Amino acid sequence: MNAIYARAHDDEGAELGAQIARCKEQAELQGRHIEPDKIYTDAGGWKMGVNRIGLRQLKIDIDAGRIGAVYVDALDRLGRSLDIKPMVEDWRRKGVSVVTASARK
């Protein structure tokens, strides 16, 4: 199953819809479908894990083997590069692809 993860730049979350739309478009281009219950979102904030309920649930579903690919608008939506590297490497070891939807990495 495929998933989308989107995180707002701020607490308002105005750009979440645009991030999700770009991810859906990328998935469709690859012939993949995203179920509505596999779209994980979080409000803004820079600290990894702080108020990141969507990311925590995504990790649970990955650990349970329910996710095969995660679409993100850009890798920085997952977190800071030093914070996400071990997480993304762990996901890849579990067979989960991480796919970016926009040119911004």
PDB file of N, CA and C in Angstrom:
ATOM      1  N   MET A   1       0.846  -1.174   0.000  1.00  0.00           N
ATOM      2  CA  MET A   1       0.000   0.000   0.000  1.00  0.00           C
ATOM      3  C   MET A   1       0.892   1.239   0.000  1.00  0.00           C
ATOM      4  N   ASN A   2       0.401   2.299  -0.565  1.00  0.00           N
ATOM      5  CA  ASN A   2       1.148   3.544  -0.700  1.00  0.00           C
ATOM      6  C   ASN A   2       0.595   4.601   0.243  1.00  0.00           C
ATOM      7  N   ALA A   3       1.454   5.545   0.612  1.00  0.00           N
ATOM      8  CA  ALA A   3       1.058   6.582   1.557  1.00  0.00           C
ATOM      9  C   ALA A   3       1.603   7.930   1.115  1.00  0.00           C
ATOM     10  N   ILE A   4       1.003   8.965   1.656  1.00  0.00           N
ATOM     11  CA  ILE A   4       1.491  10.342   1.486  1.00  0.00           C
ATOM     12  C   ILE A   4       1.749  10.895   2.873  1.00  0.00           C
ATOM     13  N   TYR A   5       2.854  11.611   3.001  1.00  0.00           N
ATOM     14  CA  TYR A   5       3.103  12.360   4.226  1.00  0.00           C
ATOM     15  C   TYR A   5       3.303  13.818   3.843  1.00  0.00           C
ATOM     16  N   ALA A   6       2.558  14.709   4.499  1.00  0.00           N
ATOM     17  CA  ALA A   6       2.676  16.145   4.272  1.00  0.00           C
ATOM     18  C   ALA A   6       2.765  16.851   5.614  1.00  0.00           C
ATOM     19  N   ARG A   7       3.642  17.852   5.669  1.00  0.00           N
ATOM     20  CA  ARG A   7       3.784  18.633   6.895  1.00  0.00           C
ATOM     21  C   ARG A   7       3.774  20.100   6.523  1.00  0.00           C
ATOM     22  N   ALA A   8       2.975  20.849   7.247  1.00  0.00           N
ATOM     23  CA  ALA A   8       2.857  22.289   6.999  1.00  0.00           C
ATOM     24  C   ALA A   8       4.118  23.009   7.447  1.00  0.00           C
ATOM     25  N   HIS A   9       4.386  24.107   6.783  1.00  0.00           N
ATOM     26  CA  HIS A   9       5.514  24.958   7.169  1.00  0.00           C
ATOM     27  C   HIS A   9       5.206  25.724   8.451  1.00  0.00           C
ATOM     28  N   ASP A  10       3.923  25.936   8.718  1.00  0.00           N
ATOM     29  CA  ASP A  10       3.511  26.701   9.892  1.00  0.00           C
ATOM     30  C   ASP A  10       2.269  26.062  10.494  1.00  0.00           C
ATOM     31  N   ASP A  11       1.788  26.616  11.563  1.00  0.00           N
ATOM     32  CA  ASP A  11       0.626  26.051  12.235  1.00  0.00           C
ATOM     33  C   ASP A  11      -0.673  26.225  11.457  1.00  0.00           C
ATOM     34  N   GLU A  12      -0.674  27.100  10.466  1.00  0.00           N
ATOM     35  CA  GLU A  12      -1.886  27.335   9.684  1.00  0.00           C
ATOM     36  C   GLU A  12      -2.179  26.171   8.742  1.00  0.00           C
ATOM     37  N   GLY A  13      -1.137  25.577   8.148  1.00  0.00           N
ATOM     38  CA  GLY A  13      -1.315  24.414   7.291  1.00  0.00           C
ATOM     39  C   GLY A  13      -1.914  24.680   5.933  1.00  0.00           C
ATOM     40  N   ALA A  14      -1.834  25.929   5.472  1.00  0.00           N
ATOM     41  CA  ALA A  14      -2.475  26.297   4.216  1.00  0.00           C
ATOM     42  C   ALA A  14      -1.944  25.515   3.018  1.00  0.00           C
ATOM     43  N   GLU A  15      -0.684  25.131   3.025  1.00  0.00           N
ATOM     44  CA  GLU A  15      -0.107  24.482   1.845  1.00  0.00           C
ATOM     45  C   GLU A  15      -0.225  22.961   1.863  1.00  0.00           C
ATOM     46  N   LEU A  16      -0.845  22.392   2.882  1.00  0.00           N
ATOM     47  CA  LEU A  16      -0.981  20.936   2.936  1.00  0.00           C
ATOM     48  C   LEU A  16      -1.701  20.381   1.712  1.00  0.00           C
ATOM     49  N   GLY A  17      -2.752  21.031   1.289  1.00  0.00           N
ATOM     50  CA  GLY A  17      -3.511  20.564   0.128  1.00  0.00           C
ATOM     51  C   GLY A  17      -2.670  20.512  -1.128  1.00  0.00           C
ATOM     52  N   ALA A  18      -1.825  21.521  -1.313  1.00  0.00           N
ATOM     53  CA  ALA A  18      -0.957  21.556  -2.490  1.00  0.00           C
ATOM     54  C   ALA A  18       0.081  20.436  -2.429  1.00  0.00           C
ATOM     55  N   GLN A  19       0.642  20.197  -1.252  1.00  0.00           N
ATOM     56  CA  GLN A  19       1.615  19.103  -1.109  1.00  0.00           C
ATOM     57  C   GLN A  19       0.957  17.761  -1.432  1.00  0.00           C
ATOM     58  N   ILE A  20      -0.218  17.546  -0.888  1.00  0.00           N
ATOM     59  CA  ILE A  20      -0.934  16.285  -1.106  1.00  0.00           C
ATOM     60  C   ILE A  20      -1.264  16.114  -2.584  1.00  0.00           C
ATOM     61  N   ALA A  21      -1.706  17.196  -3.236  1.00  0.00           N
ATOM     62  CA  ALA A  21      -2.046  17.120  -4.657  1.00  0.00           C
ATOM     63  C   ALA A  21      -0.826  16.752  -5.501  1.00  0.00           C
ATOM     64  N   ARG A  22       0.333  17.345  -5.204  1.00  0.00           N
ATOM     65  CA  ARG A  22       1.548  17.005  -5.958  1.00  0.00           C
ATOM     66  C   ARG A  22       1.928  15.543  -5.737  1.00  0.00           C
ATOM     67  N   CYS A  23       1.788  15.062  -4.513  1.00  0.00           N
ATOM     68  CA  CYS A  23       2.111  13.663  -4.214  1.00  0.00           C
ATOM     69  C   CYS A  23       1.154  12.712  -4.936  1.00  0.00           C
ATOM     70  N   LYS A  24      -0.127  13.029  -4.914  1.00  0.00           N
ATOM     71  CA  LYS A  24      -1.105  12.194  -5.612  1.00  0.00           C
ATOM     72  C   LYS A  24      -0.807  12.144  -7.102  1.00  0.00           C
ATOM     73  N   GLU A  25      -0.475  13.300  -7.670  1.00  0.00           N
ATOM     74  CA  GLU A  25      -0.158  13.358  -9.096  1.00  0.00           C
ATOM     75  C   GLU A  25       1.055  12.482  -9.419  1.00  0.00           C
ATOM     76  N   GLN A  26       2.097  12.567  -8.600  1.00  0.00           N
ATOM     77  CA  GLN A  26       3.292  11.755  -8.814  1.00  0.00           C
ATOM     78  C   GLN A  26       2.957  10.265  -8.707  1.00  0.00           C
ATOM     79  N   ALA A  27       2.170   9.897  -7.712  1.00  0.00           N
ATOM     80  CA  ALA A  27       1.780   8.495  -7.550  1.00  0.00           C
ATOM     81  C   ALA A  27       1.002   8.002  -8.770  1.00  0.00           C
ATOM     82  N   GLU A  28       0.069   8.816  -9.239  1.00  0.00           N
ATOM     83  CA  GLU A  28      -0.726   8.434 -10.408  1.00  0.00           C
ATOM     84  C   GLU A  28       0.142   8.270 -11.646  1.00  0.00           C
ATOM     85  N   LEU A  29       1.140   9.132 -11.803  1.00  0.00           N
ATOM     86  CA  LEU A  29       2.069   9.004 -12.930  1.00  0.00           C
ATOM     87  C   LEU A  29       2.807   7.671 -12.887  1.00  0.00           C
ATOM     88  N   GLN A  30       2.986   7.139 -11.705  1.00  0.00           N
ATOM     89  CA  GLN A  30       3.663   5.864 -11.527  1.00  0.00           C
ATOM     90  C   GLN A  30       2.685   4.694 -11.439  1.00  0.00           C
ATOM     91  N   GLY A  31       1.417   4.975 -11.696  1.00  0.00           N
ATOM     92  CA  GLY A  31       0.406   3.925 -11.678  1.00  0.00           C
ATOM     93  C   GLY A  31       0.025   3.449 -10.289  1.00  0.00           C
ATOM     94  N   ARG A  32       0.250   4.287  -9.296  1.00  0.00           N
ATOM     95  CA  ARG A  32      -0.063   3.918  -7.914  1.00  0.00           C
ATOM     96  C   ARG A  32      -1.242   4.736  -7.405  1.00  0.00           C
ATOM     97  N   HIS A  33      -1.980   4.143  -6.499  1.00  0.00           N
ATOM     98  CA  HIS A  33      -3.147   4.796  -5.906  1.00  0.00           C
ATOM     99  C   HIS A  33      -2.894   5.014  -4.414  1.00  0.00           C
ATOM    100  N   ILE A  34      -3.408   6.109  -3.895  1.00  0.00           N
ATOM    101  CA  ILE A  34      -3.295   6.404  -2.468  1.00  0.00           C
ATOM    102  C   ILE A  34      -4.705   6.399  -1.864  1.00  0.00           C
ATOM    103  N   GLU A  35      -4.936   5.530  -0.914  1.00  0.00           N
ATOM    104  CA  GLU A  35      -6.214   5.510  -0.201  1.00  0.00           C
ATOM    105  C   GLU A  35      -6.273   6.724   0.735  1.00  0.00           C
ATOM    106  N   PRO A  36      -7.452   7.316   0.916  1.00  0.00           N
ATOM    107  CA  PRO A  36      -7.577   8.493   1.788  1.00  0.00           C
ATOM    108  C   PRO A  36      -7.067   8.266   3.208  1.00  0.00           C
ATOM    109  N   ASP A  37      -7.208   7.057   3.732  1.00  0.00           N
ATOM    110  CA  ASP A  37      -6.756   6.807   5.103  1.00  0.00           C
ATOM    111  C   ASP A  37      -5.240   6.592   5.193  1.00  0.00           C
ATOM    112  N   LYS A  38      -4.556   6.684   4.070  1.00  0.00           N
ATOM    113  CA  LYS A  38      -3.092   6.562   4.055  1.00  0.00           C
ATOM    114  C   LYS A  38      -2.434   7.900   3.726  1.00  0.00           C
ATOM    115  N   ILE A  39      -3.137   8.990   4.027  1.00  0.00           N
ATOM    116  CA  ILE A  39      -2.581  10.333   3.907  1.00  0.00           C
ATOM    117  C   ILE A  39      -2.351  10.835   5.329  1.00  0.00           C
ATOM    118  N   TYR A  40      -1.093  11.017   5.664  1.00  0.00           N
ATOM    119  CA  TYR A  40      -0.681  11.407   7.006  1.00  0.00           C
ATOM    120  C   TYR A  40      -0.232  12.862   6.965  1.00  0.00           C
ATOM    121  N   THR A  41      -0.730  13.675   7.891  1.00  0.00           N
ATOM    122  CA  THR A  41      -0.381  15.098   7.897  1.00  0.00           C
ATOM    123  C   THR A  41      -0.032  15.572   9.302  1.00  0.00           C
ATOM    124  N   ASP A  42       0.756  16.631   9.334  1.00  0.00           N
ATOM    125  CA  ASP A  42       1.112  17.281  10.588  1.00  0.00           C
ATOM    126  C   ASP A  42       1.151  18.784  10.387  1.00  0.00           C
ATOM    127  N   ALA A  43       0.879  19.504  11.475  1.00  0.00           N
ATOM    128  CA  ALA A  43       1.007  20.959  11.471  1.00  0.00           C
ATOM    129  C   ALA A  43       2.483  21.330  11.478  1.00  0.00           C
ATOM    130  N   GLY A  44       2.768  22.602  11.347  1.00  0.00           N
ATOM    131  CA  GLY A  44       4.145  23.079  11.288  1.00  0.00           C
ATOM    132  C   GLY A  44       4.914  22.847  12.567  1.00  0.00           C
ATOM    133  N   GLY A  45       6.173  23.114  12.482  1.00  0.00           N
ATOM    134  CA  GLY A  45       7.057  22.926  13.617  1.00  0.00           C
ATOM    135  C   GLY A  45       8.335  22.274  13.167  1.00  0.00           C
ATOM    136  N   TRP A  46       9.437  22.651  13.774  1.00  0.00           N
ATOM    137  CA  TRP A  46      10.723  22.167  13.285  1.00  0.00           C
ATOM    138  C   TRP A  46      11.278  20.994  14.068  1.00  0.00           C
ATOM    139  N   LYS A  47      10.827  20.763  15.269  1.00  0.00           N
ATOM    140  CA  LYS A  47      11.410  19.709  16.091  1.00  0.00           C
ATOM    141  C   LYS A  47      10.865  18.338  15.699  1.00  0.00           C
ATOM    142  N   MET A  48      11.768  17.434  15.405  1.00  0.00           N
ATOM    143  CA  MET A  48      11.401  16.078  15.022  1.00  0.00           C
ATOM    144  C   MET A  48      10.621  15.426  16.161  1.00  0.00           C
ATOM    145  N   GLY A  49       9.448  14.949  15.847  1.00  0.00           N
ATOM    146  CA  GLY A  49       8.668  14.224  16.833  1.00  0.00           C
ATOM    147  C   GLY A  49       7.745  15.078  17.684  1.00  0.00           C
ATOM    148  N   VAL A  50       7.936  16.393  17.694  1.00  0.00           N
ATOM    149  CA  VAL A  50       7.087  17.263  18.496  1.00  0.00           C
ATOM    150  C   VAL A  50       5.789  17.501  17.731  1.00  0.00           C
ATOM    151  N   ASN A  51       4.683  17.079  18.318  1.00  0.00           N
ATOM    152  CA  ASN A  51       3.371  17.231  17.692  1.00  0.00           C
ATOM    153  C   ASN A  51       3.330  16.633  16.293  1.00  0.00           C
ATOM    154  N   ARG A  52       4.048  15.568  16.063  1.00  0.00           N
ATOM    155  CA  ARG A  52       4.097  14.926  14.745  1.00  0.00           C
ATOM    156  C   ARG A  52       3.310  13.616  14.794  1.00  0.00           C
ATOM    157  N   ILE A  53       2.035  13.732  15.116  1.00  0.00           N
ATOM    158  CA  ILE A  53       1.179  12.566  15.258  1.00  0.00           C
ATOM    159  C   ILE A  53       1.080  11.801  13.931  1.00  0.00           C
ATOM    160  N   GLY A  54       0.982  12.532  12.829  1.00  0.00           N
ATOM    161  CA  GLY A  54       0.903  11.888  11.518  1.00  0.00           C
ATOM    162  C   GLY A  54       2.144  11.066  11.214  1.00  0.00           C
ATOM    163  N   LEU A  55       3.317  11.626  11.493  1.00  0.00           N
ATOM    164  CA  LEU A  55       4.565  10.907  11.247  1.00  0.00           C
ATOM    165  C   LEU A  55       4.668   9.684  12.152  1.00  0.00           C
ATOM    166  N   ARG A  56       4.257   9.829  13.394  1.00  0.00           N
ATOM    167  CA  ARG A  56       4.291   8.676  14.308  1.00  0.00           C
ATOM    168  C   ARG A  56       3.391   7.549  13.810  1.00  0.00           C
ATOM    169  N   GLN A  57       2.190   7.891  13.325  1.00  0.00           N
ATOM    170  CA  GLN A  57       1.282   6.870  12.808  1.00  0.00           C
ATOM    171  C   GLN A  57       1.837   6.233  11.537  1.00  0.00           C
ATOM    172  N   LEU A  58       2.459   7.041  10.687  1.00  0.00           N
ATOM    173  CA  LEU A  58       3.083   6.501   9.483  1.00  0.00           C
ATOM    174  C   LEU A  58       4.158   5.492   9.857  1.00  0.00           C
ATOM    175  N   LYS A  59       4.990   5.820  10.833  1.00  0.00           N
ATOM    176  CA  LYS A  59       6.040   4.895  11.280  1.00  0.00           C
ATOM    177  C   LYS A  59       5.436   3.599  11.810  1.00  0.00           C
ATOM    178  N   ILE A  60       4.355   3.695  12.548  1.00  0.00           N
ATOM    179  CA  ILE A  60       3.677   2.498  13.061  1.00  0.00           C
ATOM    180  C   ILE A  60       3.218   1.619  11.907  1.00  0.00           C
ATOM    181  N   ASP A  61       2.603   2.238  10.898  1.00  0.00           N
ATOM    182  CA  ASP A  61       2.109   1.478   9.748  1.00  0.00           C
ATOM    183  C   ASP A  61       3.256   0.880   8.932  1.00  0.00           C
ATOM    184  N   ILE A  62       4.369   1.596   8.832  1.00  0.00           N
ATOM    185  CA  ILE A  62       5.539   1.040   8.143  1.00  0.00           C
ATOM    186  C   ILE A  62       6.066  -0.158   8.917  1.00  0.00           C
ATOM    187  N   ASP A  63       6.226  -0.009  10.221  1.00  0.00           N
ATOM    188  CA  ASP A  63       6.734  -1.107  11.047  1.00  0.00           C
ATOM    189  C   ASP A  63       5.826  -2.338  10.984  1.00  0.00           C
ATOM    190  N   ALA A  64       4.528  -2.114  10.782  1.00  0.00           N
ATOM    191  CA  ALA A  64       3.563  -3.212  10.691  1.00  0.00           C
ATOM    192  C   ALA A  64       3.504  -3.812   9.285  1.00  0.00           C
ATOM    193  N   GLY A  65       4.287  -3.254   8.354  1.00  0.00           N
ATOM    194  CA  GLY A  65       4.315  -3.776   6.991  1.00  0.00           C
ATOM    195  C   GLY A  65       3.150  -3.355   6.129  1.00  0.00           C
ATOM    196  N   ARG A  66       2.465  -2.293   6.514  1.00  0.00           N
ATOM    197  CA  ARG A  66       1.282  -1.847   5.770  1.00  0.00           C
ATOM    198  C   ARG A  66       1.592  -0.845   4.674  1.00  0.00           C
ATOM    199  N   ILE A  67       2.843  -0.378   4.578  1.00  0.00           N
ATOM    200  CA  ILE A  67       3.206   0.667   3.616  1.00  0.00           C
ATOM    201  C   ILE A  67       4.379   0.188   2.768  1.00  0.00           C
ATOM    202  N   GLY A  68       4.280   0.376   1.445  1.00  0.00           N
ATOM    203  CA  GLY A  68       5.361   0.006   0.544  1.00  0.00           C
ATOM    204  C   GLY A  68       6.075   1.198  -0.062  1.00  0.00           C
ATOM    205  N   ALA A  69       5.376   2.340  -0.127  1.00  0.00           N
ATOM    206  CA  ALA A  69       5.981   3.556  -0.667  1.00  0.00           C
ATOM    207  C   ALA A  69       5.389   4.766   0.048  1.00  0.00           C
ATOM    208  N   VAL A  70       6.252   5.738   0.343  1.00  0.00           N
ATOM    209  CA  VAL A  70       5.818   6.988   0.966  1.00  0.00           C
ATOM    210  C   VAL A  70       6.133   8.120   0.002  1.00  0.00           C
ATOM    211  N   TYR A  71       5.114   8.882  -0.341  1.00  0.00           N
ATOM    212  CA  TYR A  71       5.279  10.050  -1.196  1.00  0.00           C
ATOM    213  C   TYR A  71       5.320  11.296  -0.326  1.00  0.00           C
ATOM    214  N   VAL A  72       6.328  12.114  -0.533  1.00  0.00           N
ATOM    215  CA  VAL A  72       6.448  13.402   0.148  1.00  0.00           C
ATOM    216  C   VAL A  72       6.701  14.457  -0.910  1.00  0.00           C
ATOM    217  N   ASP A  73       6.254  15.662  -0.647  1.00  0.00           N
ATOM    218  CA  ASP A  73       6.486  16.749  -1.593  1.00  0.00           C
ATOM    219  C   ASP A  73       7.987  16.974  -1.751  1.00  0.00           C
ATOM    220  N   ALA A  74       8.695  16.992  -0.649  1.00  0.00           N
ATOM    221  CA  ALA A  74      10.153  17.133  -0.630  1.00  0.00           C
ATOM    222  C   ALA A  74      10.650  16.493   0.662  1.00  0.00           C
ATOM    223  N   LEU A  75      11.884  16.050   0.654  1.00  0.00           N
ATOM    224  CA  LEU A  75      12.411  15.364   1.835  1.00  0.00           C
ATOM    225  C   LEU A  75      12.378  16.231   3.086  1.00  0.00           C
ATOM    226  N   ASP A  76      12.485  17.550   2.928  1.00  0.00           N
ATOM    227  CA  ASP A  76      12.468  18.413   4.113  1.00  0.00           C
ATOM    228  C   ASP A  76      11.125  18.409   4.828  1.00  0.00           C
ATOM    229  N   ARG A  77      10.089  17.871   4.212  1.00  0.00           N
ATOM    230  CA  ARG A  77       8.800  17.754   4.892  1.00  0.00           C
ATOM    231  C   ARG A  77       8.861  16.667   5.968  1.00  0.00           C
ATOM    232  N   LEU A  78       9.780  15.701   5.814  1.00  0.00           N
ATOM    233  CA  LEU A  78       9.950  14.664   6.843  1.00  0.00           C
ATOM    234  C   LEU A  78      10.695  15.205   8.050  1.00  0.00           C
ATOM    235  N   GLY A  79      11.589  16.164   7.842  1.00  0.00           N
ATOM    236  CA  GLY A  79      12.379  16.735   8.925  1.00  0.00           C
ATOM    237  C   GLY A  79      13.721  17.212   8.414  1.00  0.00           C
ATOM    238  N   ARG A  80      14.562  17.632   9.318  1.00  0.00           N
ATOM    239  CA  ARG A  80      15.911  18.070   8.969  1.00  0.00           C
ATOM    240  C   ARG A  80      16.724  16.880   8.464  1.00  0.00           C
ATOM    241  N   SER A  81      17.660  17.140   7.561  1.00  0.00           N
ATOM    242  CA  SER A  81      18.398  16.056   6.907  1.00  0.00           C
ATOM    243  C   SER A  81      19.110  15.147   7.901  1.00  0.00           C
ATOM    244  N   LEU A  82      19.710  15.700   8.940  1.00  0.00           N
ATOM    245  CA  LEU A  82      20.405  14.857   9.916  1.00  0.00           C
ATOM    246  C   LEU A  82      19.428  14.004  10.710  1.00  0.00           C
ATOM    247  N   ASP A  83      18.221  14.509  10.918  1.00  0.00           N
ATOM    248  CA  ASP A  83      17.212  13.773  11.671  1.00  0.00           C
ATOM    249  C   ASP A  83      16.584  12.646  10.855  1.00  0.00           C
ATOM    250  N   ILE A  84      16.378  12.891   9.555  1.00  0.00           N
ATOM    251  CA  ILE A  84      15.629  11.917   8.762  1.00  0.00           C
ATOM    252  C   ILE A  84      16.489  10.826   8.146  1.00  0.00           C
ATOM    253  N   LYS A  85      17.785  11.044   8.032  1.00  0.00           N
ATOM    254  CA  LYS A  85      18.622  10.049   7.356  1.00  0.00           C
ATOM    255  C   LYS A  85      18.483   8.654   7.960  1.00  0.00           C
ATOM    256  N   PRO A  86      18.631   8.482   9.281  1.00  0.00           N
ATOM    257  CA  PRO A  86      18.468   7.129   9.845  1.00  0.00           C
ATOM    258  C   PRO A  86      17.053   6.575   9.636  1.00  0.00           C
ATOM    259  N   MET A  87      16.055   7.439   9.719  1.00  0.00           N
ATOM    260  CA  MET A  87      14.674   7.002   9.542  1.00  0.00           C
ATOM    261  C   MET A  87      14.450   6.494   8.118  1.00  0.00           C
ATOM    262  N   VAL A  88      14.893   7.253   7.124  1.00  0.00           N
ATOM    263  CA  VAL A  88      14.710   6.861   5.728  1.00  0.00           C
ATOM    264  C   VAL A  88      15.507   5.595   5.422  1.00  0.00           C
ATOM    265  N   GLU A  89      16.711   5.482   5.952  1.00  0.00           N
ATOM    266  CA  GLU A  89      17.503   4.264   5.756  1.00  0.00           C
ATOM    267  C   GLU A  89      16.796   3.057   6.365  1.00  0.00           C
ATOM    268  N   ASP A  90      16.196   3.228   7.539  1.00  0.00           N
ATOM    269  CA  ASP A  90      15.442   2.148   8.176  1.00  0.00           C
ATOM    270  C   ASP A  90      14.259   1.744   7.304  1.00  0.00           C
ATOM    271  N   TRP A  91      13.535   2.719   6.778  1.00  0.00           N
ATOM    272  CA  TRP A  91      12.392   2.427   5.913  1.00  0.00           C
ATOM    273  C   TRP A  91      12.832   1.648   4.680  1.00  0.00           C
ATOM    274  N   ARG A  92      13.943   2.070   4.087  1.00  0.00           N
ATOM    275  CA  ARG A  92      14.427   1.389   2.877  1.00  0.00           C
ATOM    276  C   ARG A  92      14.824  -0.056   3.186  1.00  0.00           C
ATOM    277  N   ARG A  93      15.430  -0.295   4.342  1.00  0.00           N
ATOM    278  CA  ARG A  93      15.760  -1.668   4.746  1.00  0.00           C
ATOM    279  C   ARG A  93      14.491  -2.507   4.884  1.00  0.00           C
ATOM    280  N   LYS A  94      13.397  -1.866   5.234  1.00  0.00           N
ATOM    281  CA  LYS A  94      12.115  -2.559   5.366  1.00  0.00           C
ATOM    282  C   LYS A  94      11.381  -2.678   4.033  1.00  0.00           C
ATOM    283  N   GLY A  95      12.018  -2.222   2.948  1.00  0.00           N
ATOM    284  CA  GLY A  95      11.427  -2.324   1.622  1.00  0.00           C
ATOM    285  C   GLY A  95      10.507  -1.190   1.244  1.00  0.00           C
ATOM    286  N   VAL A  96      10.559  -0.100   1.980  1.00  0.00           N
ATOM    287  CA  VAL A  96       9.696   1.053   1.711  1.00  0.00           C
ATOM    288  C   VAL A  96      10.449   2.068   0.866  1.00  0.00           C
ATOM    289  N   SER A  97       9.860   2.447  -0.260  1.00  0.00           N
ATOM    290  CA  SER A  97      10.425   3.488  -1.113  1.00  0.00           C
ATOM    291  C   SER A  97       9.976   4.845  -0.611  1.00  0.00           C
ATOM    292  N   VAL A  98      10.874   5.818  -0.695  1.00  0.00           N
ATOM    293  CA  VAL A  98      10.523   7.203  -0.391  1.00  0.00           C
ATOM    294  C   VAL A  98      10.625   7.967  -1.706  1.00  0.00           C
ATOM    295  N   VAL A  99       9.492   8.548  -2.133  1.00  0.00           N
ATOM    296  CA  VAL A  99       9.405   9.203  -3.429  1.00  0.00           C
ATOM    297  C   VAL A  99       9.088  10.676  -3.225  1.00  0.00           C
ATOM    298  N   THR A 100       9.907  11.550  -3.814  1.00  0.00           N
ATOM    299  CA  THR A 100       9.621  12.986  -3.728  1.00  0.00           C
ATOM    300  C   THR A 100       8.826  13.415  -4.951  1.00  0.00           C
ATOM    301  N   ALA A 101       7.881  14.295  -4.729  1.00  0.00           N
ATOM    302  CA  ALA A 101       6.973  14.719  -5.782  1.00  0.00           C
ATOM    303  C   ALA A 101       7.386  16.004  -6.484  1.00  0.00           C
ATOM    304  N   SER A 102       8.116  16.871  -5.813  1.00  0.00           N
ATOM    305  CA  SER A 102       8.478  18.126  -6.444  1.00  0.00           C
ATOM    306  C   SER A 102       9.974  18.159  -6.733  1.00  0.00           C
ATOM    307  N   ALA A 103      10.383  19.129  -7.515  1.00  0.00           N
ATOM    308  CA  ALA A 103      11.806  19.279  -7.857  1.00  0.00           C
ATOM    309  C   ALA A 103      12.609  19.697  -6.654  1.00  0.00           C
ATOM    310  N   ARG A 104      11.964  20.308  -5.675  1.00  0.00           N
ATOM    311  CA  ARG A 104      12.625  20.748  -4.458  1.00  0.00           C
ATOM    312  C   ARG A 104      12.880  19.524  -3.595  1.00  0.00           C
ATOM    313  N   LYS A 105      14.132  19.230  -3.291  1.00  0.00           N
ATOM    314  CA  LYS A 105      14.484  18.046  -2.501  1.00  0.00           C
ATOM    315  C   LYS A 105      14.870  18.493  -1.123  1.00  0.00           C
TER     316      LYS A 105
END
